[in-house]
Structures are given as structure tokens and as C-alpha cells.
Protein backbone atom coordinates (compact mmCIF):
# COMPACT_ATOMS: atom_id res chain seq x y z
CA MET A 1 -19.48 -2.11 -23.92
CA ALA A 2 -22.48 -2.50 -21.30
CA PRO A 3 -21.05 -2.93 -18.23
CA MET A 4 -20.51 -6.56 -16.68
CA ASP A 5 -23.63 -7.76 -14.81
CA GLU A 6 -22.15 -8.87 -11.56
CA GLN A 7 -25.34 -11.25 -10.54
CA ALA A 8 -25.10 -13.39 -13.27
CA ALA A 9 -24.13 -17.16 -13.53
CA THR A 10 -20.76 -17.31 -14.24
CA ALA A 11 -21.15 -18.22 -17.43
CA ASN A 12 -23.08 -15.39 -19.06
CA ARG A 13 -20.35 -13.57 -17.24
CA PHE A 14 -17.79 -14.71 -18.67
CA ASN A 15 -19.48 -14.04 -21.96
CA GLU A 16 -19.76 -10.53 -21.49
CA LEU A 17 -15.81 -10.36 -21.14
CA PRO A 18 -13.88 -8.83 -23.99
CA ASP A 19 -12.68 -11.61 -26.48
CA GLU A 20 -9.21 -11.04 -25.54
CA THR A 21 -9.79 -11.45 -21.56
CA GLN A 22 -11.54 -15.10 -22.87
CA GLU A 23 -9.05 -15.84 -24.47
CA PHE A 24 -6.34 -15.29 -21.89
CA LEU A 25 -8.79 -16.93 -19.16
CA SER A 26 -9.19 -20.04 -21.01
CA GLN A 27 -5.48 -20.92 -21.33
CA LEU A 28 -4.72 -20.46 -17.60
CA ARG A 29 -3.27 -23.38 -16.19
CA LYS A 30 -4.46 -24.31 -12.82
CA GLU A 31 -0.46 -23.77 -11.40
CA ASP A 32 -1.26 -20.10 -13.38
CA ILE A 33 -4.15 -19.44 -11.23
CA SER A 34 -2.67 -20.49 -7.98
CA THR A 35 1.11 -18.57 -8.98
CA MET A 36 -1.18 -15.19 -9.60
CA LYS A 37 -3.06 -16.13 -6.21
CA ASP A 38 0.29 -16.02 -4.62
CA GLY A 39 1.04 -12.88 -6.56
CA LEU A 40 -1.65 -11.02 -5.10
CA ARG A 41 -0.90 -12.11 -1.68
CA LEU A 42 2.74 -10.86 -2.29
CA VAL A 43 1.50 -7.60 -3.61
CA ASN A 44 -1.06 -7.10 -0.94
CA ALA A 45 1.94 -7.71 1.48
CA ILE A 46 4.29 -5.03 -0.01
CA ARG A 47 1.69 -2.91 0.53
CA ILE A 48 1.24 -3.35 4.08
CA VAL A 49 5.07 -3.23 4.50
CA GLY A 50 5.40 0.26 2.51
CA LYS A 51 2.12 1.97 4.91
CA PHE A 52 4.21 0.31 7.22
CA SER A 53 7.36 1.74 6.04
CA LYS A 54 6.23 5.57 5.06
CA TRP A 55 4.97 6.01 8.86
CA VAL A 56 8.14 4.46 10.33
CA ILE A 57 9.60 7.43 8.51
CA VAL A 58 7.48 9.89 9.28
CA GLY A 59 7.50 9.13 13.06
CA VAL A 60 11.85 9.55 12.97
CA LEU A 61 11.95 12.39 11.54
CA GLY A 62 8.87 13.80 13.45
CA ILE A 63 11.00 13.13 16.68
CA PHE A 64 13.75 14.23 15.73
CA ALA A 65 12.59 17.19 14.25
CA GLY A 66 10.85 17.19 17.97
CA ILE A 67 14.36 16.97 19.59
CA VAL A 68 16.02 19.79 18.04
CA MET A 69 13.10 22.04 18.86
CA PHE A 70 13.26 20.74 22.45
CA GLY A 71 17.11 20.80 22.64
CA GLU A 72 16.52 24.76 21.81
CA GLY A 73 13.66 25.52 23.83
CA VAL A 74 16.42 24.32 26.76
CA ILE A 75 19.22 26.68 25.61
CA LYS A 76 16.99 29.58 25.38
CA ILE A 77 16.48 29.14 28.68
CA TYR A 78 19.68 28.58 29.82
CA GLY A 79 20.70 31.43 28.19
CA TRP A 80 17.86 33.59 30.30
CA ILE A 81 18.41 32.03 33.46
CA ARG A 82 22.39 32.42 33.17
CA PRO A 83 24.17 35.12 34.24
CA HIS A 84 25.72 37.57 31.76
């Protein structure tokens, strides 16, 4: 199947779609389209929250590792200074 011509008129682009896709799209009601748009917004919001959560977790782990390394450094320096 040839790639769809993005510059073609809407009616002609519809004819270039596979038969199964044309049948699916022609059976959609106005409420279905609204639901699909809401679903797309929901998926985008979930992706944004997922990316944010990932970086929060990475940041917290980085801060934890930094605190541990800092504590080990302080203990090592204290060991050098402290008289035996």
C-alpha cells in the first residue's frame, strides 16, 4: 500500500486508508470522538506525571547517595584529626 498523501483533500485521504480503518472511523459517533480526545489527553497527562515521577525518584536516590558519601567523608576526616 502506498503511503498516505498528507496534502490530499480529507475525502481523498480517507479513501487511501485500509478498509478496516475506514469501517471503524465511519462507525464512530460524536460521543466516541469526544471520549477518544479525552483519552488522549489522559494518556499525555499520565506520561508527563510518569516522567516527573522518574526524575523525582532519581533525584531522591542521588541526594541519598550524596548524603551517604558526605557522611563517609566526614567520618574519614574525623578519623584523621582525632587523636589515637
